[in-house]
Amino acid sequence: MSERNGAGAFLFGFFLGAAVGAVAALLLAPQAGEETIEQIREKGIELKGKAEELTEEARERAEELAAEARRRAEKIEAEAKERAAALRKRAEELEAQARKKAEELSERGRIVLEEQKGRVESTVEEAKEAFAKRTKRAEGETSA
């Protein structure tokens, strides 16, 4: 790309230098006034044509660059959408896994709580029975 831009700048400079040189040569050359004016007019027409060519080349190149920039932007946008969709899908998967783990832990906690509740109730019953036995023994010893 930079080679084409460099080549275009070189050509523009070359033609500009040639035009300035041609005008200077015409003005400094010993010729009749009408002849010089005619040559200047012809060179002006020639330079106008070359300037129009360079302008058209520059316009075409700008259009090419704009089209390339649009293509790249569209490609980047499509890639970004694909990545966003993949990230969204992965986030949903992680959320589902987290919910499943939370449910499993909740169920496990409920089971452990029920087991502990059963042990506590059993221990309380054993303590009541032991207390009742001691109380009965203590009453029997006090009455005897």
N, C-alpha and C. Protein backbone atom coordinates (compact mmCIF):
# COMPACT_ATOMS: atom_id res chain seq x y z
N MET A 1 0.83 -1.19 0.00
CA MET A 1 0.00 0.00 0.00
C MET A 1 0.87 1.25 0.00
N SER A 2 1.87 1.32 0.89
CA SER A 2 2.69 2.50 0.98
C SER A 2 3.52 2.68 -0.28
N GLU A 3 3.82 1.57 -0.99
CA GLU A 3 4.55 1.69 -2.25
C GLU A 3 3.72 2.43 -3.28
N ARG A 4 2.41 2.13 -3.33
CA ARG A 4 1.54 2.83 -4.31
C ARG A 4 1.42 4.29 -3.94
N ASN A 5 1.28 4.58 -2.65
CA ASN A 5 1.18 5.97 -2.23
C ASN A 5 2.48 6.70 -2.54
N GLY A 6 3.62 6.04 -2.30
CA GLY A 6 4.92 6.65 -2.60
C GLY A 6 5.09 6.87 -4.09
N ALA A 7 4.64 5.90 -4.88
CA ALA A 7 4.74 6.02 -6.33
C ALA A 7 3.85 7.16 -6.82
N GLY A 8 2.67 7.28 -6.27
CA GLY A 8 1.76 8.36 -6.67
C GLY A 8 2.33 9.73 -6.32
N ALA A 9 2.92 9.82 -5.14
CA ALA A 9 3.53 11.09 -4.71
C ALA A 9 4.72 11.42 -5.61
N PHE A 10 5.50 10.38 -5.94
CA PHE A 10 6.65 10.61 -6.82
C PHE A 10 6.19 11.11 -8.18
N LEU A 11 5.16 10.44 -8.76
CA LEU A 11 4.66 10.86 -10.07
C LEU A 11 4.11 12.28 -10.03
N PHE A 12 3.38 12.58 -8.97
CA PHE A 12 2.83 13.93 -8.84
C PHE A 12 3.97 14.95 -8.79
N GLY A 13 4.97 14.67 -7.98
CA GLY A 13 6.12 15.58 -7.88
C GLY A 13 6.87 15.68 -9.20
N PHE A 14 7.00 14.55 -9.87
CA PHE A 14 7.69 14.55 -11.16
C PHE A 14 6.98 15.44 -12.17
N PHE A 15 5.65 15.26 -12.29
CA PHE A 15 4.88 16.06 -13.25
C PHE A 15 4.86 17.53 -12.86
N LEU A 16 4.78 17.81 -11.58
CA LEU A 16 4.79 19.19 -11.13
C LEU A 16 6.13 19.84 -11.46
N GLY A 17 7.20 19.11 -11.20
CA GLY A 17 8.53 19.64 -11.52
C GLY A 17 8.70 19.85 -13.02
N ALA A 18 8.18 18.90 -13.80
CA ALA A 18 8.28 19.02 -15.26
C ALA A 18 7.50 20.24 -15.73
N ALA A 19 6.33 20.46 -15.14
CA ALA A 19 5.51 21.60 -15.54
C ALA A 19 6.20 22.92 -15.21
N VAL A 20 6.72 23.00 -14.01
CA VAL A 20 7.42 24.23 -13.60
C VAL A 20 8.63 24.45 -14.49
N GLY A 21 9.37 23.39 -14.77
CA GLY A 21 10.54 23.50 -15.64
C GLY A 21 10.14 23.93 -17.05
N ALA A 22 9.04 23.37 -17.56
CA ALA A 22 8.60 23.71 -18.91
C ALA A 22 8.18 25.18 -18.98
N VAL A 23 7.46 25.63 -17.99
CA VAL A 23 7.02 27.04 -17.98
C VAL A 23 8.23 27.96 -17.88
N ALA A 24 9.18 27.60 -17.01
CA ALA A 24 10.39 28.42 -16.87
C ALA A 24 11.16 28.45 -18.18
N ALA A 25 11.28 27.31 -18.86
CA ALA A 25 12.01 27.26 -20.14
C ALA A 25 11.32 28.11 -21.19
N LEU A 26 10.00 28.06 -21.20
CA LEU A 26 9.26 28.85 -22.19
C LEU A 26 9.42 30.35 -21.94
N LEU A 27 9.38 30.70 -20.67
CA LEU A 27 9.49 32.12 -20.35
C LEU A 27 10.89 32.67 -20.59
N LEU A 28 11.88 31.84 -20.41
CA LEU A 28 13.26 32.29 -20.56
C LEU A 28 13.79 32.11 -21.99
N ALA A 29 13.11 31.31 -22.79
CA ALA A 29 13.57 31.05 -24.16
C ALA A 29 13.29 32.26 -25.05
N PRO A 30 14.20 32.52 -25.94
CA PRO A 30 13.99 33.66 -26.85
C PRO A 30 13.01 33.28 -27.98
N GLN A 31 11.73 33.65 -27.80
CA GLN A 31 10.71 33.37 -28.81
C GLN A 31 9.79 34.57 -28.90
N ALA A 32 8.97 34.51 -29.89
CA ALA A 32 7.98 35.58 -30.06
C ALA A 32 6.92 35.42 -28.99
N GLY A 33 6.28 36.50 -28.58
CA GLY A 33 5.27 36.52 -27.53
C GLY A 33 4.12 35.58 -27.81
N GLU A 34 3.59 35.61 -29.04
CA GLU A 34 2.45 34.76 -29.36
C GLU A 34 2.84 33.29 -29.31
N GLU A 35 4.04 32.99 -29.79
CA GLU A 35 4.51 31.62 -29.76
C GLU A 35 4.63 31.13 -28.32
N THR A 36 5.16 31.95 -27.46
CA THR A 36 5.34 31.59 -26.05
C THR A 36 3.97 31.40 -25.39
N ILE A 37 3.05 32.30 -25.69
CA ILE A 37 1.71 32.19 -25.11
C ILE A 37 1.04 30.90 -25.56
N GLU A 38 1.19 30.53 -26.82
CA GLU A 38 0.61 29.29 -27.36
C GLU A 38 1.21 28.08 -26.67
N GLN A 39 2.53 28.10 -26.52
CA GLN A 39 3.19 26.97 -25.85
C GLN A 39 2.73 26.86 -24.38
N ILE A 40 2.60 28.01 -23.72
CA ILE A 40 2.13 27.99 -22.33
C ILE A 40 0.71 27.44 -22.26
N ARG A 41 -0.14 27.86 -23.22
CA ARG A 41 -1.52 27.35 -23.25
C ARG A 41 -1.53 25.85 -23.47
N GLU A 42 -0.73 25.34 -24.41
CA GLU A 42 -0.67 23.90 -24.67
C GLU A 42 -0.18 23.13 -23.44
N LYS A 43 0.88 23.66 -22.80
CA LYS A 43 1.41 23.01 -21.61
C LYS A 43 0.37 23.04 -20.48
N GLY A 44 -0.36 24.13 -20.40
CA GLY A 44 -1.42 24.23 -19.39
C GLY A 44 -2.49 23.16 -19.61
N ILE A 45 -2.89 22.97 -20.88
CA ILE A 45 -3.88 21.94 -21.20
C ILE A 45 -3.33 20.56 -20.87
N GLU A 46 -2.05 20.35 -21.22
CA GLU A 46 -1.42 19.06 -20.94
C GLU A 46 -1.35 18.80 -19.44
N LEU A 47 -0.94 19.83 -18.71
CA LEU A 47 -0.84 19.69 -17.25
C LEU A 47 -2.21 19.49 -16.61
N LYS A 48 -3.23 20.14 -17.15
CA LYS A 48 -4.58 19.96 -16.64
C LYS A 48 -5.01 18.51 -16.81
N GLY A 49 -4.72 17.93 -17.97
CA GLY A 49 -5.05 16.53 -18.22
C GLY A 49 -4.33 15.60 -17.26
N LYS A 50 -3.04 15.87 -17.04
CA LYS A 50 -2.28 15.03 -16.12
C LYS A 50 -2.80 15.19 -14.69
N ALA A 51 -3.16 16.40 -14.33
CA ALA A 51 -3.72 16.63 -12.99
C ALA A 51 -5.04 15.90 -12.82
N GLU A 52 -5.86 15.89 -13.86
CA GLU A 52 -7.13 15.16 -13.80
C GLU A 52 -6.89 13.66 -13.66
N GLU A 53 -5.88 13.14 -14.39
CA GLU A 53 -5.53 11.73 -14.27
C GLU A 53 -5.11 11.39 -12.85
N LEU A 54 -4.22 12.23 -12.29
CA LEU A 54 -3.75 11.99 -10.92
C LEU A 54 -4.89 12.09 -9.92
N THR A 55 -5.78 13.02 -10.15
CA THR A 55 -6.94 13.16 -9.25
C THR A 55 -7.82 11.92 -9.32
N GLU A 56 -8.04 11.41 -10.53
CA GLU A 56 -8.85 10.20 -10.69
C GLU A 56 -8.17 9.00 -10.02
N GLU A 57 -6.86 8.87 -10.20
CA GLU A 57 -6.13 7.78 -9.56
C GLU A 57 -6.24 7.88 -8.04
N ALA A 58 -6.11 9.08 -7.52
CA ALA A 58 -6.20 9.28 -6.07
C ALA A 58 -7.60 8.94 -5.57
N ARG A 59 -8.63 9.34 -6.32
CA ARG A 59 -10.01 9.03 -5.93
C ARG A 59 -10.24 7.53 -5.92
N GLU A 60 -9.77 6.84 -6.96
CA GLU A 60 -9.93 5.38 -7.04
C GLU A 60 -9.22 4.69 -5.88
N ARG A 61 -8.02 5.17 -5.59
CA ARG A 61 -7.26 4.58 -4.48
C ARG A 61 -7.98 4.81 -3.15
N ALA A 62 -8.54 5.99 -2.95
CA ALA A 62 -9.28 6.28 -1.73
C ALA A 62 -10.50 5.38 -1.61
N GLU A 63 -11.18 5.14 -2.73
CA GLU A 63 -12.34 4.24 -2.71
C GLU A 63 -11.91 2.80 -2.38
N GLU A 64 -10.78 2.37 -2.93
CA GLU A 64 -10.27 1.03 -2.62
C GLU A 64 -9.95 0.90 -1.13
N LEU A 65 -9.29 1.92 -0.60
CA LEU A 65 -8.93 1.90 0.83
C LEU A 65 -10.18 1.90 1.71
N ALA A 66 -11.18 2.69 1.32
CA ALA A 66 -12.42 2.74 2.10
C ALA A 66 -13.13 1.39 2.06
N ALA A 67 -13.16 0.76 0.89
CA ALA A 67 -13.80 -0.56 0.77
C ALA A 67 -13.06 -1.60 1.61
N GLU A 68 -11.75 -1.55 1.59
CA GLU A 68 -10.94 -2.47 2.40
C GLU A 68 -11.20 -2.24 3.89
N ALA A 69 -11.28 -0.99 4.28
CA ALA A 69 -11.55 -0.67 5.70
C ALA A 69 -12.93 -1.19 6.11
N ARG A 70 -13.92 -1.05 5.21
CA ARG A 70 -15.27 -1.58 5.51
C ARG A 70 -15.23 -3.10 5.66
N ARG A 71 -14.52 -3.78 4.75
CA ARG A 71 -14.42 -5.24 4.83
C ARG A 71 -13.77 -5.68 6.14
N ARG A 72 -12.72 -5.00 6.52
CA ARG A 72 -12.03 -5.35 7.77
C ARG A 72 -12.94 -5.09 8.97
N ALA A 73 -13.63 -3.97 8.96
CA ALA A 73 -14.53 -3.65 10.07
C ALA A 73 -15.65 -4.69 10.18
N GLU A 74 -16.20 -5.10 9.05
CA GLU A 74 -17.24 -6.13 9.06
C GLU A 74 -16.71 -7.46 9.59
N LYS A 75 -15.48 -7.81 9.20
CA LYS A 75 -14.87 -9.04 9.67
C LYS A 75 -14.65 -8.98 11.18
N ILE A 76 -14.14 -7.87 11.66
CA ILE A 76 -13.91 -7.70 13.10
C ILE A 76 -15.23 -7.77 13.86
N GLU A 77 -16.26 -7.14 13.31
CA GLU A 77 -17.57 -7.15 13.96
C GLU A 77 -18.12 -8.58 14.04
N ALA A 78 -17.98 -9.34 12.94
CA ALA A 78 -18.47 -10.72 12.93
C ALA A 78 -17.71 -11.57 13.95
N GLU A 79 -16.39 -11.39 14.01
CA GLU A 79 -15.59 -12.13 14.99
C GLU A 79 -15.99 -11.77 16.42
N ALA A 80 -16.22 -10.49 16.65
CA ALA A 80 -16.62 -10.05 18.00
C ALA A 80 -17.97 -10.66 18.39
N LYS A 81 -18.90 -10.72 17.43
CA LYS A 81 -20.21 -11.32 17.72
C LYS A 81 -20.06 -12.80 18.03
N GLU A 82 -19.21 -13.49 17.28
CA GLU A 82 -18.99 -14.92 17.52
C GLU A 82 -18.41 -15.14 18.92
N ARG A 83 -17.42 -14.33 19.27
CA ARG A 83 -16.79 -14.47 20.59
C ARG A 83 -17.77 -14.15 21.70
N ALA A 84 -18.59 -13.14 21.49
CA ALA A 84 -19.58 -12.77 22.51
C ALA A 84 -20.58 -13.92 22.71
N ALA A 85 -20.99 -14.53 21.61
CA ALA A 85 -21.94 -15.65 21.70
C ALA A 85 -21.29 -16.83 22.44
N ALA A 86 -20.03 -17.10 22.13
CA ALA A 86 -19.34 -18.20 22.80
C ALA A 86 -19.19 -17.91 24.30
N LEU A 87 -18.87 -16.67 24.64
CA LEU A 87 -18.74 -16.30 26.05
C LEU A 87 -20.08 -16.39 26.77
N ARG A 88 -21.13 -15.96 26.09
CA ARG A 88 -22.47 -16.04 26.68
C ARG A 88 -22.84 -17.49 26.96
N LYS A 89 -22.55 -18.37 25.99
CA LYS A 89 -22.85 -19.79 26.14
C LYS A 89 -22.05 -20.38 27.30
N ARG A 90 -20.78 -20.04 27.39
CA ARG A 90 -19.93 -20.54 28.48
C ARG A 90 -20.43 -20.04 29.83
N ALA A 91 -20.86 -18.79 29.89
CA ALA A 91 -21.40 -18.24 31.14
C ALA A 91 -22.66 -18.99 31.56
N GLU A 92 -23.50 -19.32 30.59
CA GLU A 92 -24.72 -20.08 30.90
C GLU A 92 -24.38 -21.47 31.41
N GLU A 93 -23.37 -22.10 30.79
CA GLU A 93 -22.94 -23.43 31.25
C GLU A 93 -22.42 -23.36 32.68
N LEU A 94 -21.59 -22.36 32.96
CA LEU A 94 -21.05 -22.21 34.32
C LEU A 94 -22.15 -21.93 35.33
N GLU A 95 -23.13 -21.13 34.92
CA GLU A 95 -24.25 -20.85 35.82
C GLU A 95 -25.02 -22.13 36.13
N ALA A 96 -25.25 -22.95 35.12
CA ALA A 96 -25.97 -24.21 35.32
C ALA A 96 -25.18 -25.14 36.23
N GLN A 97 -23.88 -25.20 36.04
CA GLN A 97 -23.03 -26.03 36.91
C GLN A 97 -23.08 -25.53 38.35
N ALA A 98 -23.02 -24.22 38.51
CA ALA A 98 -23.05 -23.64 39.86
C ALA A 98 -24.39 -23.93 40.54
N ARG A 99 -25.47 -23.81 39.79
CA ARG A 99 -26.79 -24.12 40.36
C ARG A 99 -26.86 -25.60 40.79
N LYS A 100 -26.35 -26.49 39.94
CA LYS A 100 -26.38 -27.91 40.24
C LYS A 100 -25.57 -28.20 41.51
N LYS A 101 -24.38 -27.61 41.60
CA LYS A 101 -23.55 -27.80 42.79
C LYS A 101 -24.25 -27.26 44.04
N ALA A 102 -24.88 -26.10 43.91
CA ALA A 102 -25.59 -25.51 45.05
C ALA A 102 -26.72 -26.42 45.51
N GLU A 103 -27.44 -26.98 44.55
CA GLU A 103 -28.53 -27.91 44.90
C GLU A 103 -27.99 -29.16 45.58
N GLU A 104 -26.87 -29.69 45.05
CA GLU A 104 -26.26 -30.88 45.65
C GLU A 104 -25.82 -30.59 47.08
N LEU A 105 -25.17 -29.44 47.27
CA LEU A 105 -24.70 -29.08 48.61
C LEU A 105 -25.88 -28.84 49.56
N SER A 106 -26.91 -28.25 49.05
CA SER A 106 -28.10 -28.01 49.87
C SER A 106 -28.71 -29.34 50.31
N GLU A 107 -28.81 -30.29 49.38
CA GLU A 107 -29.37 -31.60 49.71
C GLU A 107 -28.47 -32.33 50.70
N ARG A 108 -27.17 -32.27 50.48
CA ARG A 108 -26.25 -32.91 51.40
C ARG A 108 -26.36 -32.28 52.80
N GLY A 109 -26.48 -30.97 52.84
CA GLY A 109 -26.64 -30.27 54.13
C GLY A 109 -27.93 -30.69 54.82
N ARG A 110 -29.00 -30.83 54.05
CA ARG A 110 -30.28 -31.26 54.63
C ARG A 110 -30.16 -32.66 55.23
N ILE A 111 -29.48 -33.55 54.51
CA ILE A 111 -29.30 -34.93 54.99
C ILE A 111 -28.48 -34.94 56.28
N VAL A 112 -27.38 -34.20 56.30
CA VAL A 112 -26.54 -34.13 57.50
C VAL A 112 -27.34 -33.55 58.65
N LEU A 113 -28.13 -32.54 58.39
CA LEU A 113 -28.96 -31.92 59.43
C LEU A 113 -29.96 -32.93 59.99
N GLU A 114 -30.59 -33.71 59.13
CA GLU A 114 -31.54 -34.73 59.57
C GLU A 114 -30.83 -35.79 60.42
N GLU A 115 -29.63 -36.22 59.99
CA GLU A 115 -28.87 -37.20 60.76
C GLU A 115 -28.53 -36.66 62.13
N GLN A 116 -28.07 -35.43 62.17
CA GLN A 116 -27.70 -34.81 63.45
C GLN A 116 -28.92 -34.63 64.34
N LYS A 117 -30.02 -34.28 63.73
CA LYS A 117 -31.27 -34.12 64.48
C LYS A 117 -31.65 -35.45 65.13
N GLY A 118 -31.54 -36.53 64.36
CA GLY A 118 -31.85 -37.87 64.88
C GLY A 118 -30.92 -38.23 66.04
N ARG A 119 -29.64 -37.93 65.90
CA ARG A 119 -28.68 -38.23 66.97
C ARG A 119 -29.00 -37.43 68.22
N VAL A 120 -29.31 -36.15 68.03
CA VAL A 120 -29.64 -35.29 69.17
C VAL A 120 -30.89 -35.80 69.86
N GLU A 121 -31.92 -36.15 69.08
CA GLU A 121 -33.16 -36.66 69.68
C GLU A 121 -32.90 -37.96 70.45
N SER A 122 -32.06 -38.83 69.86
CA SER A 122 -31.72 -40.10 70.52
C SER A 122 -30.97 -39.83 71.82
N THR A 123 -30.03 -38.90 71.78
CA THR A 123 -29.26 -38.56 72.97
C THR A 123 -30.17 -37.96 74.04
N VAL A 124 -31.10 -37.12 73.64
CA VAL A 124 -32.04 -36.52 74.59
C VAL A 124 -32.89 -37.61 75.23
N GLU A 125 -33.36 -38.56 74.44
CA GLU A 125 -34.17 -39.65 74.97
C GLU A 125 -33.36 -40.49 75.96
N GLU A 126 -32.11 -40.78 75.60
CA GLU A 126 -31.25 -41.54 76.49
C GLU A 126 -31.02 -40.78 77.79
N ALA A 127 -30.84 -39.47 77.66
CA ALA A 127 -30.63 -38.65 78.86
C ALA A 127 -31.88 -38.65 79.73
N LYS A 128 -33.05 -38.58 79.12
CA LYS A 128 -34.30 -38.60 79.89
C LYS A 128 -34.44 -39.93 80.64
N GLU A 129 -34.14 -41.02 79.92
CA GLU A 129 -34.25 -42.35 80.54
C GLU A 129 -33.27 -42.48 81.70
N ALA A 130 -32.04 -42.01 81.47
CA ALA A 130 -31.04 -42.09 82.54
C ALA A 130 -31.47 -41.25 83.73
N PHE A 131 -32.02 -40.09 83.46
CA PHE A 131 -32.48 -39.20 84.54
C PHE A 131 -33.63 -39.86 85.29
N ALA A 132 -34.53 -40.49 84.53
CA ALA A 132 -35.67 -41.15 85.17
C ALA A 132 -35.18 -42.30 86.05
N LYS A 133 -34.21 -43.08 85.60
CA LYS A 133 -33.68 -44.18 86.39
C LYS A 133 -33.03 -43.67 87.67
N ARG A 134 -32.25 -42.60 87.54
CA ARG A 134 -31.58 -42.05 88.71
C ARG A 134 -32.60 -41.50 89.69
N THR A 135 -33.60 -40.85 89.12
CA THR A 135 -34.63 -40.29 89.99
C THR A 135 -35.35 -41.42 90.73
N LYS A 136 -35.63 -42.51 90.05
CA LYS A 136 -36.32 -43.65 90.64
C LYS A 136 -35.43 -44.28 91.72
N ARG A 137 -34.16 -44.43 91.42
CA ARG A 137 -33.24 -45.00 92.38
C ARG A 137 -33.11 -44.10 93.60
N ALA A 138 -33.04 -42.81 93.31
CA ALA A 138 -32.89 -41.86 94.41
C ALA A 138 -34.14 -41.88 95.27
N GLU A 139 -35.31 -42.05 94.72
CA GLU A 139 -36.57 -42.11 95.49
C GLU A 139 -36.60 -43.40 96.29
N GLY A 140 -36.10 -44.47 95.69
CA GLY A 140 -36.09 -45.75 96.38
C GLY A 140 -35.11 -45.72 97.56
N GLU A 141 -34.03 -45.05 97.43
CA GLU A 141 -33.06 -44.98 98.49
C GLU A 141 -33.56 -44.06 99.60
N THR A 142 -34.27 -43.03 99.27
CA THR A 142 -34.78 -42.12 100.28
C THR A 142 -35.98 -42.74 101.00
N SER A 143 -36.71 -43.59 100.40
CA SER A 143 -37.84 -44.21 101.08
C SER A 143 -37.38 -45.43 101.89
N ALA A 144 -36.28 -45.97 101.67
CA ALA A 144 -35.85 -47.14 102.42
C ALA A 144 -35.10 -46.74 103.61
